[in-house]
Amino acid sequence: MPADPAALPVWLAALEAHAPDLVAPFAALAEGRPLEVRRGVRARAGEGSAARILPQHAAIAEAYAAHLDTLPDAAFGLPGGEVDWTLAQALGHAFDARSALVTAASLAAQGRFPADAPTVVPGVPGPADASRDQLRRRLAASQRMVERAARAVTGHEKEACPLEHPLVGRLRCGEWFLFAGVHDLMHLDQLDALAALFAAPARTSATLTPEAGTLTPARRSATLTPSEADCP
């Protein structure tokens, strides 16, 4: 089911116009409907979907870049909405994750996925001392990885990918390519909350506690039902 723009936070409704296939599963996740997340990802990640999803990833990258341009320097050392990480650590994690997920899909699509690849270890923060410019470069590098992966995944979207994620399980190549964007939206949710704390242009539906310097984005953990995760 497509997301209803009228029911979305302002920042997400703006992205929905440019990334509808990414926003709809994320909206279901934020509302605590994990089975609908998986069904939505599968429905949107069929044959030929990578070419359609690629510009939606570009819209996500532009949203990240806008926050990197407008947030003050002090923001990068504040809690980033993920465990006890700073914003710099959360963004480093987000950019590494988008690269890793689409690379896994690309390797599987080419029959080059390592047989001895370990299970994904979620929750690895990026460097705490990453500067704004370093984060910009990591974002740009991750987008280049997305673009290369799109070329490899196109035509192979429905092929199995051996990537094993303890929270998500297994997805097909096209599904991982799409889900990387859903993961990005979790972190953009956190960024929007922090932007609101600094009275930046972006708006938020998050709960803020400025006196503690913390924020609680309105999102859910990306945990999907294991039995659903293993469905072919």
C-alpha atoms as a PDB file:
ATOM      1  CA  MET A   1       0.000   0.000   0.000  1.00  0.00           C
ATOM      2  CA  PRO A   2       1.482   3.402  -0.938  1.00  0.00           C
ATOM      3  CA  ALA A   3       2.182   5.805   1.895  1.00  0.00           C
ATOM      4  CA  ASP A   4      -0.452   8.517   2.401  1.00  0.00           C
ATOM      5  CA  PRO A   5       1.461  11.826   2.159  1.00  0.00           C
ATOM      6  CA  ALA A   6      -1.126  13.525   4.349  1.00  0.00           C
ATOM      7  CA  ALA A   7      -0.335  11.110   7.185  1.00  0.00           C
ATOM      8  CA  LEU A   8       3.452  11.494   6.937  1.00  0.00           C
ATOM      9  CA  PRO A   9       5.762  13.923   8.763  1.00  0.00           C
ATOM     10  CA  VAL A  10       6.637  16.902   6.589  1.00  0.00           C
ATOM     11  CA  TRP A  11      10.198  15.748   5.857  1.00  0.00           C
ATOM     12  CA  LEU A  12       9.008  12.274   4.837  1.00  0.00           C
ATOM     13  CA  ALA A  13       6.128  13.553   2.722  1.00  0.00           C
ATOM     14  CA  ALA A  14       8.605  15.704   0.788  1.00  0.00           C
ATOM     15  CA  LEU A  15      10.778  12.650   0.106  1.00  0.00           C
ATOM     16  CA  GLU A  16       7.786  10.487  -0.790  1.00  0.00           C
ATOM     17  CA  ALA A  17       7.353  12.427  -4.020  1.00  0.00           C
ATOM     18  CA  HIS A  18      10.881  11.422  -5.089  1.00  0.00           C
ATOM     19  CA  ALA A  19      11.335   8.039  -3.377  1.00  0.00           C
ATOM     20  CA  PRO A  20       7.892   6.395  -3.020  1.00  0.00           C
ATOM     21  CA  ASP A  21       9.226   2.825  -3.118  1.00  0.00           C
ATOM     22  CA  LEU A  22      11.507   3.545  -0.172  1.00  0.00           C
ATOM     23  CA  VAL A  23       9.106   5.646   1.880  1.00  0.00           C
ATOM     24  CA  ALA A  24       6.200   3.167   1.844  1.00  0.00           C
ATOM     25  CA  PRO A  25       8.074   0.306   3.609  1.00  0.00           C
ATOM     26  CA  PHE A  26       9.672   2.759   6.026  1.00  0.00           C
ATOM     27  CA  ALA A  27       6.273   4.221   6.926  1.00  0.00           C
ATOM     28  CA  ALA A  28       5.024   0.696   7.685  1.00  0.00           C
ATOM     29  CA  LEU A  29       8.097   0.096   9.833  1.00  0.00           C
ATOM     30  CA  ALA A  30       7.581   3.330  11.750  1.00  0.00           C
ATOM     31  CA  GLU A  31       3.989   2.271  12.421  1.00  0.00           C
ATOM     32  CA  GLY A  32       5.089  -1.113  13.795  1.00  0.00           C
ATOM     33  CA  ARG A  33       3.918  -3.304  10.875  1.00  0.00           C
ATOM     34  CA  PRO A  34       6.999  -5.468  10.103  1.00  0.00           C
ATOM     35  CA  LEU A  35       5.208  -8.013   7.923  1.00  0.00           C
ATOM     36  CA  GLU A  36       3.955  -5.229   5.689  1.00  0.00           C
ATOM     37  CA  VAL A  37       7.527  -3.953   5.442  1.00  0.00           C
ATOM     38  CA  ARG A  38       8.718  -7.239   3.950  1.00  0.00           C
ATOM     39  CA  ARG A  39       5.712  -7.599   1.670  1.00  0.00           C
ATOM     40  CA  GLY A  40       6.121  -4.017   0.486  1.00  0.00           C
ATOM     41  CA  VAL A  41       9.822  -4.484  -0.206  1.00  0.00           C
ATOM     42  CA  ARG A  42       9.159  -7.658  -2.196  1.00  0.00           C
ATOM     43  CA  ALA A  43       6.327  -6.085  -4.186  1.00  0.00           C
ATOM     44  CA  ARG A  44       8.518  -3.126  -5.157  1.00  0.00           C
ATOM     45  CA  ALA A  45      11.766  -5.004  -5.855  1.00  0.00           C
ATOM     46  CA  GLY A  46      10.789  -7.244  -8.749  1.00  0.00           C
ATOM     47  CA  GLU A  47      12.338  -7.668 -12.170  1.00  0.00           C
ATOM     48  CA  GLY A  48      13.545  -4.362 -13.589  1.00  0.00           C
ATOM     49  CA  SER A  49      13.112  -2.469 -10.319  1.00  0.00           C
ATOM     50  CA  ALA A  50      16.768  -1.469  -9.795  1.00  0.00           C
ATOM     51  CA  ALA A  51      16.623   1.139 -12.561  1.00  0.00           C
ATOM     52  CA  ARG A  52      13.499   2.636 -10.983  1.00  0.00           C
ATOM     53  CA  ILE A  53      14.949   2.603  -7.468  1.00  0.00           C
ATOM     54  CA  LEU A  54      18.303   4.178  -8.439  1.00  0.00           C
ATOM     55  CA  PRO A  55      17.036   7.792  -8.711  1.00  0.00           C
ATOM     56  CA  GLN A  56      15.198   7.273  -5.425  1.00  0.00           C
ATOM     57  CA  HIS A  57      18.540   6.486  -3.769  1.00  0.00           C
ATOM     58  CA  ALA A  58      19.855   9.699  -5.307  1.00  0.00           C
ATOM     59  CA  ALA A  59      17.033  11.606  -3.609  1.00  0.00           C
ATOM     60  CA  ILE A  60      18.061  10.044  -0.296  1.00  0.00           C
ATOM     61  CA  ALA A  61      21.667  11.109  -0.857  1.00  0.00           C
ATOM     62  CA  GLU A  62      20.500  14.664  -1.574  1.00  0.00           C
ATOM     63  CA  ALA A  63      18.533  14.679   1.681  1.00  0.00           C
ATOM     64  CA  TYR A  64      21.624  13.579   3.608  1.00  0.00           C
ATOM     65  CA  ALA A  65      23.702  16.250   1.840  1.00  0.00           C
ATOM     66  CA  ALA A  66      21.198  18.973   2.746  1.00  0.00           C
ATOM     67  CA  HIS A  67      21.546  18.110   6.439  1.00  0.00           C
ATOM     68  CA  LEU A  68      25.342  17.957   6.168  1.00  0.00           C
ATOM     69  CA  ASP A  69      25.263  21.454   4.673  1.00  0.00           C
ATOM     70  CA  THR A  70      22.912  23.053   7.198  1.00  0.00           C
ATOM     71  CA  LEU A  71      23.557  21.480  10.603  1.00  0.00           C
ATOM     72  CA  PRO A  72      26.008  23.449  12.783  1.00  0.00           C
ATOM     73  CA  ASP A  73      29.390  21.977  13.679  1.00  0.00           C
ATOM     74  CA  ALA A  74      28.240  21.379  17.254  1.00  0.00           C
ATOM     75  CA  ALA A  75      25.597  18.924  16.052  1.00  0.00           C
ATOM     76  CA  PHE A  76      28.098  16.292  14.961  1.00  0.00           C
ATOM     77  CA  GLY A  77      29.272  15.684  18.524  1.00  0.00           C
ATOM     78  CA  LEU A  78      25.751  15.387  19.960  1.00  0.00           C
ATOM     79  CA  PRO A  79      23.831  12.128  20.447  1.00  0.00           C
ATOM     80  CA  GLY A  80      22.760  10.928  17.019  1.00  0.00           C
ATOM     81  CA  GLY A  81      19.642   8.996  17.999  1.00  0.00           C
ATOM     82  CA  GLU A  82      21.279   5.564  17.776  1.00  0.00           C
ATOM     83  CA  VAL A  83      22.310   3.839  21.050  1.00  0.00           C
ATOM     84  CA  ASP A  84      24.966   6.130  22.554  1.00  0.00           C
ATOM     85  CA  TRP A  85      26.548   7.216  19.286  1.00  0.00           C
ATOM     86  CA  THR A  86      27.276  10.775  18.271  1.00  0.00           C
ATOM     87  CA  LEU A  87      25.750  12.085  15.067  1.00  0.00           C
ATOM     88  CA  ALA A  88      29.107  11.692  13.312  1.00  0.00           C
ATOM     89  CA  GLN A  89      29.199   8.022  14.327  1.00  0.00           C
ATOM     90  CA  ALA A  90      25.588   7.446  13.257  1.00  0.00           C
ATOM     91  CA  LEU A  91      26.186   9.016   9.838  1.00  0.00           C
ATOM     92  CA  GLY A  92      29.396   7.057   9.313  1.00  0.00           C
ATOM     93  CA  HIS A  93      27.463   3.891  10.119  1.00  0.00           C
ATOM     94  CA  ALA A  94      24.636   4.868   7.747  1.00  0.00           C
ATOM     95  CA  PHE A  95      26.964   5.547   4.817  1.00  0.00           C
ATOM     96  CA  ASP A  96      28.927   2.332   5.413  1.00  0.00           C
ATOM     97  CA  ALA A  97      25.704   0.337   5.666  1.00  0.00           C
ATOM     98  CA  ARG A  98      24.244   1.648   2.397  1.00  0.00           C
ATOM     99  CA  SER A  99      27.515   0.751   0.640  1.00  0.00           C
ATOM    100  CA  ALA A 100      27.653  -2.705   2.204  1.00  0.00           C
ATOM    101  CA  LEU A 101      24.038  -3.667   1.510  1.00  0.00           C
ATOM    102  CA  VAL A 102      24.076  -2.705  -2.151  1.00  0.00           C
ATOM    103  CA  THR A 103      27.512  -4.293  -2.609  1.00  0.00           C
ATOM    104  CA  ALA A 104      26.193  -7.574  -1.226  1.00  0.00           C
ATOM    105  CA  ALA A 105      23.323  -7.427  -3.715  1.00  0.00           C
ATOM    106  CA  SER A 106      25.743  -6.633  -6.532  1.00  0.00           C
ATOM    107  CA  LEU A 107      28.112  -9.492  -5.714  1.00  0.00           C
ATOM    108  CA  ALA A 108      25.257 -11.980  -5.438  1.00  0.00           C
ATOM    109  CA  ALA A 109      23.811 -10.802  -8.749  1.00  0.00           C
ATOM    110  CA  GLN A 110      27.176 -11.471 -10.401  1.00  0.00           C
ATOM    111  CA  GLY A 111      27.637 -14.859  -8.718  1.00  0.00           C
ATOM    112  CA  ARG A 112      30.605 -13.503  -6.772  1.00  0.00           C
ATOM    113  CA  PHE A 113      29.236 -13.476  -3.215  1.00  0.00           C
ATOM    114  CA  PRO A 114      31.946 -14.967  -0.923  1.00  0.00           C
ATOM    115  CA  ALA A 115      31.075 -18.451   0.287  1.00  0.00           C
ATOM    116  CA  ASP A 116      32.680 -17.728   3.657  1.00  0.00           C
ATOM    117  CA  ALA A 117      31.064 -14.310   4.196  1.00  0.00           C
ATOM    118  CA  PRO A 118      30.195 -13.855   7.894  1.00  0.00           C
ATOM    119  CA  THR A 119      26.776 -12.952   9.227  1.00  0.00           C
ATOM    120  CA  VAL A 120      26.280  -9.207   9.316  1.00  0.00           C
ATOM    121  CA  VAL A 121      27.160  -7.551  12.616  1.00  0.00           C
ATOM    122  CA  PRO A 122      24.651  -4.695  13.019  1.00  0.00           C
ATOM    123  CA  GLY A 123      25.238  -1.600  15.066  1.00  0.00           C
ATOM    124  CA  VAL A 124      28.844  -0.729  14.156  1.00  0.00           C
ATOM    125  CA  PRO A 125      29.392   3.025  14.568  1.00  0.00           C
ATOM    126  CA  GLY A 126      31.451   5.193  12.271  1.00  0.00           C
ATOM    127  CA  PRO A 127      34.435   7.245  13.495  1.00  0.00           C
ATOM    128  CA  ALA A 128      33.554   9.678  16.263  1.00  0.00           C
ATOM    129  CA  ASP A 129      35.962  12.322  14.949  1.00  0.00           C
ATOM    130  CA  ALA A 130      34.687  12.387  11.360  1.00  0.00           C
ATOM    131  CA  SER A 131      34.454  15.938  10.064  1.00  0.00           C
ATOM    132  CA  ARG A 132      31.685  17.411   7.944  1.00  0.00           C
ATOM    133  CA  ASP A 133      33.881  17.197   4.827  1.00  0.00           C
ATOM    134  CA  GLN A 134      34.874  13.609   5.583  1.00  0.00           C
ATOM    135  CA  LEU A 135      31.219  12.672   5.953  1.00  0.00           C
ATOM    136  CA  ARG A 136      30.428  14.394   2.650  1.00  0.00           C
ATOM    137  CA  ARG A 137      33.115  12.288   0.959  1.00  0.00           C
ATOM    138  CA  ARG A 138      31.798   9.093   2.532  1.00  0.00           C
ATOM    139  CA  LEU A 139      28.295   9.929   1.378  1.00  0.00           C
ATOM    140  CA  ALA A 140      29.524  10.552  -2.169  1.00  0.00           C
ATOM    141  CA  ALA A 141      31.454   7.274  -2.134  1.00  0.00           C
ATOM    142  CA  SER A 142      28.381   5.394  -0.947  1.00  0.00           C
ATOM    143  CA  GLN A 143      26.301   6.878  -3.768  1.00  0.00           C
ATOM    144  CA  ARG A 144      28.885   5.750  -6.310  1.00  0.00           C
ATOM    145  CA  MET A 145      28.577   2.254  -4.858  1.00  0.00           C
ATOM    146  CA  VAL A 146      24.799   2.460  -5.237  1.00  0.00           C
ATOM    147  CA  GLU A 147      25.146   3.457  -8.885  1.00  0.00           C
ATOM    148  CA  ARG A 148      27.566   0.614  -9.652  1.00  0.00           C
ATOM    149  CA  ALA A 149      25.379  -1.874  -7.819  1.00  0.00           C
ATOM    150  CA  ALA A 150      22.324  -0.807  -9.814  1.00  0.00           C
ATOM    151  CA  ARG A 151      24.069  -1.811 -13.037  1.00  0.00           C
ATOM    152  CA  ALA A 152      24.934  -5.246 -11.638  1.00  0.00           C
ATOM    153  CA  VAL A 153      21.556  -5.917 -10.018  1.00  0.00           C
ATOM    154  CA  THR A 154      19.469  -4.892 -13.024  1.00  0.00           C
ATOM    155  CA  GLY A 155      17.977  -8.039 -14.518  1.00  0.00           C
ATOM    156  CA  HIS A 156      18.893 -10.078 -11.421  1.00  0.00           C
ATOM    157  CA  GLU A 157      16.554  -8.505  -8.874  1.00  0.00           C
ATOM    158  CA  LYS A 158      14.732 -11.751  -8.068  1.00  0.00           C
ATOM    159  CA  GLU A 159      17.865 -13.844  -7.584  1.00  0.00           C
ATOM    160  CA  ALA A 160      18.732 -15.041  -4.082  1.00  0.00           C
ATOM    161  CA  CYS A 161      21.350 -13.194  -2.045  1.00  0.00           C
ATOM    162  CA  PRO A 162      23.215 -15.186   0.653  1.00  0.00           C
ATOM    163  CA  LEU A 163      23.633 -12.132   2.880  1.00  0.00           C
ATOM    164  CA  GLU A 164      22.433 -13.047   6.373  1.00  0.00           C
ATOM    165  CA  HIS A 165      21.327 -10.203   8.635  1.00  0.00           C
ATOM    166  CA  PRO A 166      20.371 -11.061  12.233  1.00  0.00           C
ATOM    167  CA  LEU A 167      17.523  -8.523  12.294  1.00  0.00           C
ATOM    168  CA  VAL A 168      16.289  -8.707   8.714  1.00  0.00           C
ATOM    169  CA  GLY A 169      17.136 -12.276   7.683  1.00  0.00           C
ATOM    170  CA  ARG A 170      17.650 -12.922   3.968  1.00  0.00           C
ATOM    171  CA  LEU A 171      16.372 -10.945   1.022  1.00  0.00           C
ATOM    172  CA  ARG A 172      16.734 -11.189  -2.746  1.00  0.00           C
ATOM    173  CA  CYS A 173      19.222  -9.026  -4.650  1.00  0.00           C
ATOM    174  CA  GLY A 174      16.676  -6.399  -5.660  1.00  0.00           C
ATOM    175  CA  GLU A 175      15.192  -6.402  -2.173  1.00  0.00           C
ATOM    176  CA  TRP A 176      18.535  -5.630  -0.538  1.00  0.00           C
ATOM    177  CA  PHE A 177      19.080  -2.880  -3.096  1.00  0.00           C
ATOM    178  CA  LEU A 178      15.763  -1.342  -2.052  1.00  0.00           C
ATOM    179  CA  PHE A 179      16.084  -2.049   1.684  1.00  0.00           C
ATOM    180  CA  ALA A 180      19.323  -0.057   1.830  1.00  0.00           C
ATOM    181  CA  GLY A 181      17.136   3.001   1.263  1.00  0.00           C
ATOM    182  CA  VAL A 182      14.699   2.008   3.991  1.00  0.00           C
ATOM    183  CA  HIS A 183      17.642   1.840   6.389  1.00  0.00           C
ATOM    184  CA  ASP A 184      18.723   5.288   5.220  1.00  0.00           C
ATOM    185  CA  LEU A 185      15.314   6.694   6.097  1.00  0.00           C
ATOM    186  CA  MET A 186      15.725   5.524   9.699  1.00  0.00           C
ATOM    187  CA  HIS A 187      18.778   7.756   9.952  1.00  0.00           C
ATOM    188  CA  LEU A 188      17.173  10.640   8.096  1.00  0.00           C
ATOM    189  CA  ASP A 189      14.413  10.442  10.715  1.00  0.00           C
ATOM    190  CA  GLN A 190      17.068  10.981  13.366  1.00  0.00           C
ATOM    191  CA  LEU A 191      18.636  13.818  11.378  1.00  0.00           C
ATOM    192  CA  ASP A 192      15.309  15.585  11.067  1.00  0.00           C
ATOM    193  CA  ALA A 193      14.859  15.423  14.827  1.00  0.00           C
ATOM    194  CA  LEU A 194      18.293  16.920  15.375  1.00  0.00           C
ATOM    195  CA  ALA A 195      17.623  19.621  12.777  1.00  0.00           C
ATOM    196  CA  ALA A 196      14.518  20.601  14.724  1.00  0.00           C
ATOM    197  CA  LEU A 197      16.588  20.819  17.900  1.00  0.00           C
ATOM    198  CA  PHE A 198      18.763  23.413  16.181  1.00  0.00           C
ATOM    199  CA  ALA A 199      15.767  25.143  14.577  1.00  0.00           C
ATOM    200  CA  ALA A 200      16.990  24.083  11.142  1.00  0.00           C
ATOM    201  CA  PRO A 201      14.521  24.252   8.216  1.00  0.00           C
ATOM    202  CA  ALA A 202      13.541  20.574   8.403  1.00  0.00           C
ATOM    203  CA  ARG A 203      10.526  19.693  10.550  1.00  0.00           C
ATOM    204  CA  THR A 204      10.029  16.619  12.686  1.00  0.00           C
ATOM    205  CA  SER A 205       7.532  14.353  14.399  1.00  0.00           C
ATOM    206  CA  ALA A 206      10.153  13.214  16.898  1.00  0.00           C
ATOM    207  CA  THR A 207      10.135  13.728  20.637  1.00  0.00           C
ATOM    208  CA  LEU A 208      12.925  16.103  21.679  1.00  0.00           C
ATOM    209  CA  THR A 209      14.483  16.601  25.092  1.00  0.00           C
ATOM    210  CA  PRO A 210      16.804  19.582  24.565  1.00  0.00           C
ATOM    211  CA  GLU A 211      17.733  19.823  28.222  1.00  0.00           C
ATOM    212  CA  ALA A 212      19.400  16.421  27.978  1.00  0.00           C
ATOM    213  CA  GLY A 213      20.728  16.995  24.478  1.00  0.00           C
ATOM    214  CA  THR A 214      19.002  13.851  23.269  1.00  0.00           C
ATOM    215  CA  LEU A 215      16.277  12.970  20.827  1.00  0.00           C
ATOM    216  CA  THR A 216      13.919  10.098  20.266  1.00  0.00           C
ATOM    217  CA  PRO A 217      12.921   9.674  16.619  1.00  0.00           C
ATOM    218  CA  ALA A 218       9.484   8.299  15.839  1.00  0.00           C
ATOM    219  CA  ARG A 219      10.664   5.009  14.345  1.00  0.00           C
ATOM    220  CA  ARG A 220      10.845   1.291  15.059  1.00  0.00           C
ATOM    221  CA  SER A 221      13.681  -1.200  14.958  1.00  0.00           C
ATOM    222  CA  ALA A 222      14.184  -2.899  11.606  1.00  0.00           C
ATOM    223  CA  THR A 223      13.457  -6.345  12.969  1.00  0.00           C
ATOM    224  CA  LEU A 224      11.450  -8.549  10.653  1.00  0.00           C
ATOM    225  CA  THR A 225       9.773 -11.833  11.530  1.00  0.00           C
ATOM    226  CA  PRO A 226      12.368 -14.623  11.042  1.00  0.00           C
ATOM    227  CA  SER A 227       9.939 -17.016   9.357  1.00  0.00           C
ATOM    228  CA  GLU A 228       9.063 -14.308   6.857  1.00  0.00           C
ATOM    229  CA  ALA A 229      12.713 -13.439   6.420  1.00  0.00           C
ATOM    230  CA  ASP A 230      13.533 -16.958   5.203  1.00  0.00           C
ATOM    231  CA  CYS A 231      10.700 -17.153   2.667  1.00  0.00           C
ATOM    232  CA  PRO A 232      12.004 -17.658  -0.882  1.00  0.00           C
END
